[in-house]
C-alpha atoms as a PDB file:
ATOM      1  CA  UNK A   1       9.550-121.178  74.025  1.00  0.00           C
ATOM      2  CA  UNK A   2       6.829-123.260  75.647  1.00  0.00           C
ATOM      3  CA  UNK A   3       3.572-122.792  77.490  1.00  0.00           C
ATOM      4  CA  UNK A   4       3.824-122.967  81.273  1.00  0.00           C
ATOM      5  CA  UNK A   5       1.319-124.858  83.408  1.00  0.00           C
ATOM      6  CA  UNK A   6      -0.725-122.975  86.018  1.00  0.00           C
ATOM      7  CA  UNK A   7      -3.241-124.080  88.672  1.00  0.00           C
ATOM      8  CA  UNK A   8      -3.891-127.565  90.041  1.00  0.00           C
ATOM      9  CA  UNK A   9      -2.119-127.100  93.399  1.00  0.00           C
ATOM     10  CA  UNK A  10      -3.521-126.850  96.943  1.00  0.00           C
ATOM     11  CA  UNK A  11      -2.841-123.114  96.901  1.00  0.00           C
ATOM     12  CA  UNK A  12      -4.824-122.487  93.701  1.00  0.00           C
ATOM     13  CA  UNK A  13      -8.293-121.944  95.167  1.00  0.00           C
ATOM     14  CA  UNK A  14     -10.842-119.314  94.184  1.00  0.00           C
ATOM     15  CA  UNK A  15     -12.254-117.657  97.312  1.00  0.00           C
ATOM     16  CA  UNK A  16     -14.390-114.691  98.212  1.00  0.00           C
ATOM     17  CA  UNK A  17     -13.384-112.008 100.702  1.00  0.00           C
ATOM     18  CA  UNK A  18     -14.631-114.156 103.578  1.00  0.00           C
ATOM     19  CA  UNK A  19     -12.537-117.142 102.517  1.00  0.00           C
ATOM     20  CA  UNK A  20     -15.402-119.144 101.078  1.00  0.00           C
ATOM     21  CA  UNK A  21     -14.729-121.266  98.013  1.00  0.00           C
ATOM     22  CA  UNK A  22     -16.243-120.224  94.690  1.00  0.00           C
ATOM     23  CA  UNK A  23     -17.169-123.414  92.783  1.00  0.00           C
ATOM     24  CA  UNK A  24     -18.070-123.504  89.068  1.00  0.00           C
ATOM     25  CA  UNK A  25     -17.248-119.819  88.635  1.00  0.00           C
ATOM     26  CA  UNK A  26     -15.622-118.161  85.642  1.00  0.00           C
ATOM     27  CA  UNK A  27     -12.549-116.041  86.318  1.00  0.00           C
ATOM     28  CA  UNK A  28     -10.903-113.355  84.284  1.00  0.00           C
ATOM     29  CA  UNK A  29      -7.193-113.724  83.449  1.00  0.00           C
ATOM     30  CA  UNK A  30      -4.726-110.870  82.916  1.00  0.00           C
ATOM     31  CA  UNK A  31      -0.996-110.538  82.204  1.00  0.00           C
ATOM     32  CA  UNK A  32      -0.392-107.948  84.943  1.00  0.00           C
ATOM     33  CA  UNK A  33      -2.095-106.641  88.057  1.00  0.00           C
ATOM     34  CA  UNK A  34      -3.359-103.557  86.182  1.00  0.00           C
ATOM     35  CA  UNK A  35      -3.645-104.674  82.549  1.00  0.00           C
ATOM     36  CA  UNK A  36      -7.257-104.014  81.412  1.00  0.00           C
ATOM     37  CA  UNK A  37      -7.161-106.614  78.627  1.00  0.00           C
ATOM     38  CA  UNK A  38      -8.174-110.172  79.411  1.00  0.00           C
ATOM     39  CA  UNK A  39      -5.979-113.066  78.260  1.00  0.00           C
ATOM     40  CA  UNK A  40      -7.856-115.397  75.902  1.00  0.00           C
ATOM     41  CA  UNK A  41      -4.948-117.601  74.782  1.00  0.00           C
ATOM     42  CA  UNK A  42      -5.492-120.383  77.341  1.00  0.00           C
ATOM     43  CA  UNK A  43      -5.418-124.156  76.783  1.00  0.00           C
ATOM     44  CA  UNK A  44      -6.395-127.178  78.850  1.00  0.00           C
ATOM     45  CA  UNK A  45      -3.864-129.917  79.533  1.00  0.00           C
ATOM     46  CA  UNK A  46      -4.927-131.730  76.357  1.00  0.00           C
ATOM     47  CA  UNK A  47      -4.048-128.673  74.296  1.00  0.00           C
ATOM     48  CA  UNK A  48      -7.633-127.609  73.629  1.00  0.00           C
ATOM     49  CA  UNK A  49      -8.740-123.984  73.770  1.00  0.00           C
ATOM     50  CA  UNK A  50     -10.643-122.917  76.902  1.00  0.00           C
ATOM     51  CA  UNK A  51     -13.636-121.614  74.943  1.00  0.00           C
ATOM     52  CA  UNK A  52     -15.618-120.918  78.106  1.00  0.00           C
ATOM     53  CA  UNK A  53     -12.665-119.277  79.822  1.00  0.00           C
ATOM     54  CA  UNK A  54     -11.073-120.325  83.097  1.00  0.00           C
ATOM     55  CA  UNK A  55     -13.651-122.088  85.337  1.00  0.00           C
ATOM     56  CA  UNK A  56     -13.217-123.375  88.882  1.00  0.00           C
ATOM     57  CA  UNK A  57     -14.248-126.958  89.617  1.00  0.00           C
ATOM     58  CA  UNK A  58     -16.984-128.139  91.987  1.00  0.00           C
ATOM     59  CA  UNK A  59     -14.634-127.611  94.959  1.00  0.00           C
ATOM     60  CA  UNK A  60     -13.722-124.048  93.981  1.00  0.00           C
ATOM     61  CA  UNK A  61     -10.202-125.059  92.892  1.00  0.00           C
ATOM     62  CA  UNK A  62      -8.495-123.710  89.780  1.00  0.00           C
ATOM     63  CA  UNK A  63      -7.730-126.669  87.485  1.00  0.00           C
ATOM     64  CA  UNK A  64      -4.433-127.028  85.679  1.00  0.00           C
ATOM     65  CA  UNK A  65      -4.221-125.093  82.406  1.00  0.00           C
ATOM     66  CA  UNK A  66      -1.610-123.830  79.974  1.00  0.00           C
ATOM     67  CA  UNK A  67      -0.888-120.121  79.771  1.00  0.00           C
ATOM     68  CA  UNK A  68       0.387-118.138  76.763  1.00  0.00           C
ATOM     69  CA  UNK A  69       3.840-118.901  75.380  1.00  0.00           C
ATOM     70  CA  UNK A  70       6.718-117.828  77.654  1.00  0.00           C
ATOM     71  CA  UNK A  71       4.525-116.229  80.349  1.00  0.00           C
ATOM     72  CA  UNK A  72       5.785-116.766  83.928  1.00  0.00           C
ATOM     73  CA  UNK A  73       3.013-114.915  85.815  1.00  0.00           C
ATOM     74  CA  UNK A  74      -0.741-114.539  85.387  1.00  0.00           C
ATOM     75  CA  UNK A  75      -3.322-112.613  87.405  1.00  0.00           C
ATOM     76  CA  UNK A  76      -6.831-114.035  87.926  1.00  0.00           C
ATOM     77  CA  UNK A  77      -9.961-112.400  89.276  1.00  0.00           C
ATOM     78  CA  UNK A  78     -13.020-114.346  90.528  1.00  0.00           C
ATOM     79  CA  UNK A  79     -14.897-111.174  91.507  1.00  0.00           C
ATOM     80  CA  UNK A  80     -12.828-110.771  94.656  1.00  0.00           C
ATOM     81  CA  UNK A  81      -9.842-108.896  93.235  1.00  0.00           C
ATOM     82  CA  UNK A  82      -6.855-110.041  91.243  1.00  0.00           C
ATOM     83  CA  UNK A  83      -4.383-112.545  92.652  1.00  0.00           C
ATOM     84  CA  UNK A  84      -1.186-113.765  91.040  1.00  0.00           C
ATOM     85  CA  UNK A  85      -0.631-117.294  89.759  1.00  0.00           C
ATOM     86  CA  UNK A  86       2.839-118.699  89.174  1.00  0.00           C
ATOM     87  CA  UNK A  87       3.635-121.823  87.104  1.00  0.00           C
ATOM     88  CA  UNK A  88       3.413-125.103  88.996  1.00  0.00           C
ATOM     89  CA  UNK A  89       6.097-126.759  86.810  1.00  0.00           C
ATOM     90  CA  UNK A  90       9.011-124.496  87.818  1.00  0.00           C
ATOM     91  CA  UNK A  91      10.764-127.255  89.771  1.00  0.00           C
ATOM     92  CA  UNK A  92      10.357-129.753  86.946  1.00  0.00           C
ATOM     93  CA  UNK A  93      11.652-127.269  84.392  1.00  0.00           C
ATOM     94  CA  UNK A  94      14.618-126.325  86.606  1.00  0.00           C
ATOM     95  CA  UNK A  95      15.581-129.978  87.079  1.00  0.00           C
ATOM     96  CA  UNK A  96      15.370-130.568  83.341  1.00  0.00           C
ATOM     97  CA  UNK A  97      17.539-127.515  82.785  1.00  0.00           C
ATOM     98  CA  UNK A  98      20.166-128.644  85.289  1.00  0.00           C
ATOM     99  CA  UNK A  99      20.633-132.105  83.772  1.00  0.00           C
ATOM    100  CA  UNK A 100      21.124-130.790  80.240  1.00  0.00           C
ATOM    101  CA  UNK A 101      24.716-130.876  79.012  1.00  0.00           C
ATOM    102  CA  UNK A 102      24.739-127.382  77.509  1.00  0.00           C
ATOM    103  CA  UNK A 103      21.398-125.665  78.229  1.00  0.00           C
ATOM    104  CA  UNK A 104      22.615-122.168  77.341  1.00  0.00           C
ATOM    105  CA  UNK A 105      24.874-123.134  74.432  1.00  0.00           C
ATOM    106  CA  UNK A 106      27.838-121.593  76.268  1.00  0.00           C
ATOM    107  CA  UNK A 107      29.999-124.710  75.968  1.00  0.00           C
ATOM    108  CA  UNK A 108      29.464-124.906  72.225  1.00  0.00           C
ATOM    109  CA  UNK A 109      30.180-121.187  71.839  1.00  0.00           C
ATOM    110  CA  UNK A 110      33.375-121.484  73.879  1.00  0.00           C
ATOM    111  CA  UNK A 111      34.575-124.511  71.925  1.00  0.00           C
ATOM    112  CA  UNK A 112      33.939-122.719  68.632  1.00  0.00           C
ATOM    113  CA  UNK A 113      35.874-119.661  69.761  1.00  0.00           C
ATOM    114  CA  UNK A 114      38.787-121.512  71.350  1.00  0.00           C
ATOM    115  CA  UNK A 115      39.262-123.509  68.168  1.00  0.00           C
ATOM    116  CA  UNK A 116      40.761-120.342  66.647  1.00  0.00           C
ATOM    117  CA  UNK A 117      43.260-119.846  69.473  1.00  0.00           C
ATOM    118  CA  UNK A 118      44.433-123.054  71.099  1.00  0.00           C
ATOM    119  CA  UNK A 119      44.831-126.693  70.219  1.00  0.00           C
ATOM    120  CA  UNK A 120      42.055-129.119  70.928  1.00  0.00           C
ATOM    121  CA  UNK A 121      42.805-132.173  73.098  1.00  0.00           C
ATOM    122  CA  UNK A 122      44.624-134.880  71.184  1.00  0.00           C
ATOM    123  CA  UNK A 123      45.497-132.814  68.112  1.00  0.00           C
ATOM    124  CA  UNK A 124      48.564-130.875  69.339  1.00  0.00           C
ATOM    125  CA  UNK A 125      48.320-128.716  66.217  1.00  0.00           C
ATOM    126  CA  UNK A 126      46.938-125.339  65.258  1.00  0.00           C
ATOM    127  CA  UNK A 127      45.683-125.305  61.648  1.00  0.00           C
ATOM    128  CA  UNK A 128      47.175-122.525  59.525  1.00  0.00           C
ATOM    129  CA  UNK A 129      45.489-121.486  56.298  1.00  0.00           C
ATOM    130  CA  UNK A 130      47.200-122.395  53.044  1.00  0.00           C
ATOM    131  CA  UNK A 131      49.771-119.759  52.079  1.00  0.00           C
ATOM    132  CA  UNK A 132      49.854-118.168  55.531  1.00  0.00           C
ATOM    133  CA  UNK A 133      53.060-118.110  57.589  1.00  0.00           C
ATOM    134  CA  UNK A 134      53.625-117.658  61.293  1.00  0.00           C
ATOM    135  CA  UNK A 135      55.802-114.590  60.630  1.00  0.00           C
ATOM    136  CA  UNK A 136      55.414-112.477  57.490  1.00  0.00           C
ATOM    137  CA  UNK A 137      57.251-109.237  56.625  1.00  0.00           C
ATOM    138  CA  UNK A 138      55.879-107.150  53.745  1.00  0.00           C
ATOM    139  CA  UNK A 139      56.851-103.880  52.097  1.00  0.00           C
ATOM    140  CA  UNK A 140      53.240-102.770  52.149  1.00  0.00           C
ATOM    141  CA  UNK A 141      49.755-104.118  52.508  1.00  0.00           C
ATOM    142  CA  UNK A 142      46.384-103.808  54.183  1.00  0.00           C
ATOM    143  CA  UNK A 143      45.401-105.331  57.492  1.00  0.00           C
ATOM    144  CA  UNK A 144      43.806-108.759  57.073  1.00  0.00           C
ATOM    145  CA  UNK A 145      40.405-109.436  58.573  1.00  0.00           C
ATOM    146  CA  UNK A 146      39.858-111.349  61.774  1.00  0.00           C
ATOM    147  CA  UNK A 147      42.910-110.028  63.632  1.00  0.00           C
ATOM    148  CA  UNK A 148      43.296-109.983  67.380  1.00  0.00           C
ATOM    149  CA  UNK A 149      45.552-106.924  67.460  1.00  0.00           C
ATOM    150  CA  UNK A 150      46.461-104.363  64.779  1.00  0.00           C
ATOM    151  CA  UNK A 151      48.959-101.518  65.329  1.00  0.00           C
ATOM    152  CA  UNK A 152      48.705 -98.630  62.851  1.00  0.00           C
ATOM    153  CA  UNK A 153      50.812 -95.600  62.011  1.00  0.00           C
ATOM    154  CA  UNK A 154      49.703 -92.373  63.687  1.00  0.00           C
ATOM    155  CA  UNK A 155      47.313 -90.447  61.461  1.00  0.00           C
ATOM    156  CA  UNK A 156      47.260 -93.213  58.854  1.00  0.00           C
ATOM    157  CA  UNK A 157      45.033 -96.187  58.148  1.00  0.00           C
ATOM    158  CA  UNK A 158      48.042 -98.306  57.174  1.00  0.00           C
ATOM    159  CA  UNK A 159      49.067-100.917  59.668  1.00  0.00           C
ATOM    160  CA  UNK A 160      52.580-101.815  60.800  1.00  0.00           C
ATOM    161  CA  UNK A 161      51.880-104.868  62.934  1.00  0.00           C
ATOM    162  CA  UNK A 162      49.088-107.428  63.106  1.00  0.00           C
ATOM    163  CA  UNK A 163      48.642-110.393  65.404  1.00  0.00           C
ATOM    164  CA  UNK A 164      46.182-112.891  64.016  1.00  0.00           C
ATOM    165  CA  UNK A 165      43.861-114.983  66.144  1.00  0.00           C
ATOM    166  CA  UNK A 166      45.767-118.123  65.168  1.00  0.00           C
ATOM    167  CA  UNK A 167      49.002-116.661  66.590  1.00  0.00           C
ATOM    168  CA  UNK A 168      50.711-115.702  63.322  1.00  0.00           C
ATOM    169  CA  UNK A 169      52.309-112.247  63.043  1.00  0.00           C
ATOM    170  CA  UNK A 170      52.588-109.762  60.156  1.00  0.00           C
ATOM    171  CA  UNK A 171      55.052-106.848  59.988  1.00  0.00           C
ATOM    172  CA  UNK A 172      54.674-104.261  57.217  1.00  0.00           C
ATOM    173  CA  UNK A 173      57.025-101.490  56.001  1.00  0.00           C
ATOM    174  CA  UNK A 174      55.343 -98.689  54.026  1.00  0.00           C
ATOM    175  CA  UNK A 175      58.461 -96.708  53.135  1.00  0.00           C
ATOM    176  CA  UNK A 176      62.246 -96.887  53.165  1.00  0.00           C
ATOM    177  CA  UNK A 177      62.201 -95.135  56.547  1.00  0.00           C
ATOM    178  CA  UNK A 178      59.859 -97.660  58.114  1.00  0.00           C
ATOM    179  CA  UNK A 179      61.497-100.781  59.532  1.00  0.00           C
ATOM    180  CA  UNK A 180      58.905-103.543  59.979  1.00  0.00           C
ATOM    181  CA  UNK A 181      61.003-105.642  62.327  1.00  0.00           C
ATOM    182  CA  UNK A 182      64.011-104.200  64.124  1.00  0.00           C
ATOM    183  CA  UNK A 183      66.196-106.487  66.218  1.00  0.00           C
ATOM    184  CA  UNK A 184      68.825-104.796  68.320  1.00  0.00           C
ATOM    185  CA  UNK A 185      71.455-106.595  70.397  1.00  0.00           C
ATOM    186  CA  UNK A 186      71.413-105.222  73.905  1.00  0.00           C
ATOM    187  CA  UNK A 187      74.124-105.173  76.567  1.00  0.00           C
ATOM    188  CA  UNK A 188      73.717-108.827  77.477  1.00  0.00           C
ATOM    189  CA  UNK A 189      76.351-111.478  78.231  1.00  0.00           C
ATOM    190  CA  UNK A 190      76.249-112.772  74.644  1.00  0.00           C
ATOM    191  CA  UNK A 191      74.555-109.763  72.980  1.00  0.00           C
ATOM    192  CA  UNK A 192      72.537-111.818  70.505  1.00  0.00           C
ATOM    193  CA  UNK A 193      69.409-110.148  69.141  1.00  0.00           C
ATOM    194  CA  UNK A 194      68.419-113.278  67.263  1.00  0.00           C
ATOM    195  CA  UNK A 195      69.906-116.755  67.583  1.00  0.00           C
ATOM    196  CA  UNK A 196      68.979-119.916  65.698  1.00  0.00           C
ATOM    197  CA  UNK A 197      70.870-122.769  67.237  1.00  0.00           C
ATOM    198  CA  UNK A 198      70.954-126.364  68.294  1.00  0.00           C
ATOM    199  CA  UNK A 199      71.450-125.774  71.995  1.00  0.00           C
ATOM    200  CA  UNK A 200      74.910-124.089  71.912  1.00  0.00           C
ATOM    201  CA  UNK A 201      76.188-120.506  72.056  1.00  0.00           C
ATOM    202  CA  UNK A 202      79.325-118.702  71.024  1.00  0.00           C
ATOM    203  CA  UNK A 203      81.001-115.753  72.706  1.00  0.00           C
ATOM    204  CA  UNK A 204      81.121-113.278  69.799  1.00  0.00           C
ATOM    205  CA  UNK A 205      78.630-110.409  69.696  1.00  0.00           C
ATOM    206  CA  UNK A 206      76.148-110.940  66.851  1.00  0.00           C
ATOM    207  CA  UNK A 207      72.927-109.382  65.659  1.00  0.00           C
ATOM    208  CA  UNK A 208      72.113-112.590  63.821  1.00  0.00           C
ATOM    209  CA  UNK A 209      73.763-115.945  64.397  1.00  0.00           C
ATOM    210  CA  UNK A 210      73.133-119.447  63.090  1.00  0.00           C
ATOM    211  CA  UNK A 211      74.603-122.199  65.291  1.00  0.00           C
ATOM    212  CA  UNK A 212      74.318-125.943  65.199  1.00  0.00           C
ATOM    213  CA  UNK A 213      75.905-128.665  67.278  1.00  0.00           C
ATOM    214  CA  UNK A 214      79.572-129.065  66.398  1.00  0.00           C
ATOM    215  CA  UNK A 215      81.853-126.162  65.612  1.00  0.00           C
ATOM    216  CA  UNK A 216      79.557-123.340  66.642  1.00  0.00           C
ATOM    217  CA  UNK A 217      81.786-120.706  65.073  1.00  0.00           C
ATOM    218  CA  UNK A 218      81.474-122.051  61.541  1.00  0.00           C
ATOM    219  CA  UNK A 219      78.632-124.598  61.345  1.00  0.00           C
ATOM    220  CA  UNK A 220      75.218-123.663  60.010  1.00  0.00           C
ATOM    221  CA  UNK A 221      74.258-122.442  56.538  1.00  0.00           C
ATOM    222  CA  UNK A 222      72.459-119.288  55.479  1.00  0.00           C
ATOM    223  CA  UNK A 223      70.972-119.576  51.978  1.00  0.00           C
ATOM    224  CA  UNK A 224      69.794-116.505  50.058  1.00  0.00           C
ATOM    225  CA  UNK A 225      67.942-116.717  46.763  1.00  0.00           C
ATOM    226  CA  UNK A 226      68.510-113.067  45.861  1.00  0.00           C
ATOM    227  CA  UNK A 227      71.321-110.519  46.188  1.00  0.00           C
ATOM    228  CA  UNK A 228      73.177-109.836  49.429  1.00  0.00           C
ATOM    229  CA  UNK A 229      74.351-106.259  50.074  1.00  0.00           C
ATOM    230  CA  UNK A 230      76.986-105.812  52.800  1.00  0.00           C
ATOM    231  CA  UNK A 231      78.039-102.408  54.059  1.00  0.00           C
ATOM    232  CA  UNK A 232      81.123-103.695  55.888  1.00  0.00           C
ATOM    233  CA  UNK A 233      83.599-106.503  55.355  1.00  0.00           C
ATOM    234  CA  UNK A 234      82.637-110.108  54.902  1.00  0.00           C
ATOM    235  CA  UNK A 235      84.640-112.538  57.015  1.00  0.00           C
ATOM    236  CA  UNK A 236      84.746-116.220  56.096  1.00  0.00           C
ATOM    237  CA  UNK A 237      87.284-119.028  56.259  1.00  0.00           C
ATOM    238  CA  UNK A 238      87.582-119.243  52.473  1.00  0.00           C
ATOM    239  CA  UNK A 239      87.587-115.501  51.763  1.00  0.00           C
ATOM    240  CA  UNK A 240      89.929-113.777  54.190  1.00  0.00           C
ATOM    241  CA  UNK A 241      90.306-110.032  53.618  1.00  0.00           C
ATOM    242  CA  UNK A 242      90.652-110.186  49.812  1.00  0.00           C
ATOM    243  CA  UNK A 243      88.634-107.755  47.673  1.00  0.00           C
ATOM    244  CA  UNK A 244      87.433-108.408  44.125  1.00  0.00           C
ATOM    245  CA  UNK A 245      87.252-105.643  41.482  1.00  0.00           C
ATOM    246  CA  UNK A 246      85.984-106.008  37.923  1.00  0.00           C
ATOM    247  CA  UNK A 247      85.700-103.728  34.929  1.00  0.00           C
ATOM    248  CA  UNK A 248      87.676-102.166  32.089  1.00  0.00           C
ATOM    249  CA  UNK A 249      89.767 -99.775  34.214  1.00  0.00           C
ATOM    250  CA  UNK A 250      92.526-100.723  36.651  1.00  0.00           C
ATOM    251  CA  UNK A 251      91.214 -99.822  40.104  1.00  0.00           C
ATOM    252  CA  UNK A 252      94.692 -98.572  41.013  1.00  0.00           C
ATOM    253  CA  UNK A 253      94.150 -95.700  38.547  1.00  0.00           C
ATOM    254  CA  UNK A 254      90.834 -94.851  40.185  1.00  0.00           C
ATOM    255  CA  UNK A 255      92.196 -93.897  43.579  1.00  0.00           C
ATOM    256  CA  UNK A 256      91.915 -97.414  45.031  1.00  0.00           C
ATOM    257  CA  UNK A 257      94.878 -98.571  47.083  1.00  0.00           C
ATOM    258  CA  UNK A 258      95.238-102.261  46.319  1.00  0.00           C
ATOM    259  CA  UNK A 259      96.161-104.597  49.150  1.00  0.00           C
ATOM    260  CA  UNK A 260      97.840-107.983  49.007  1.00  0.00           C
ATOM    261  CA  UNK A 261      95.299-110.546  47.935  1.00  0.00           C
ATOM    262  CA  UNK A 262      93.029-108.093  46.060  1.00  0.00           C
ATOM    263  CA  UNK A 263      91.806-109.296  42.663  1.00  0.00           C
ATOM    264  CA  UNK A 264      91.005-107.294  39.539  1.00  0.00           C
ATOM    265  CA  UNK A 265      89.037-109.095  36.862  1.00  0.00           C
ATOM    266  CA  UNK A 266      89.415-107.121  33.650  1.00  0.00           C
ATOM    267  CA  UNK A 267      86.844-107.416  30.920  1.00  0.00           C
ATOM    268  CA  UNK A 268      86.061-105.398  27.838  1.00  0.00           C
ATOM    269  CA  UNK A 269      88.324-102.711  26.497  1.00  0.00           C
END
């Protein structure tokens, strides 16, 4: 905040009611048209305090002076009623403001904010914090801070879905009845709910399919580090329809109807 400059123009003359100039006369300065308190915080153009107050010159003109910090209007009275003074450096200050690259700091603010959402020119990357994935599915958890969108269970502070500002997504299941991410194949030409491929499609209906260029019906690997539980049959070129049983008791004696190709691995006694 700076001091504005008042007076010194052809319009800044002290006159009586008849229009006569009032040379070498002291005027009283106020902040408003009705404020009873005089303003004492006035400086000359050299930065010195106006100890004798605001005086007109020998021609009755108000000389240039500096008003209080940040004040855009002053009212002066030379015994003929108060009149308003406005700063004489408005044009200069406006021009200086217009040529500044970021006078309001809005560009810097926008750049800082957009850095969390989109790539900056030339980088073509969005930085992701160490240990954070684009898509995470948890059994339970609390909503991380700084999210753009959080969807919570009704009547509960637990969250089911969170979209971070950097674009990554979190899905959370809080119970066995809560599915964090459900993908359902609709009535579409290929009926794929999720497809990971290399530009080719098959014709079989699948909820999950991994395809790569080549034989799209068999190419592509799915690797699982833990157990795989299958409610139905598992079809593969090297398995067929064979079933494998193991244990100490013949499955045929346990009400199981064995089919050609079934295997019983007996162990123990």
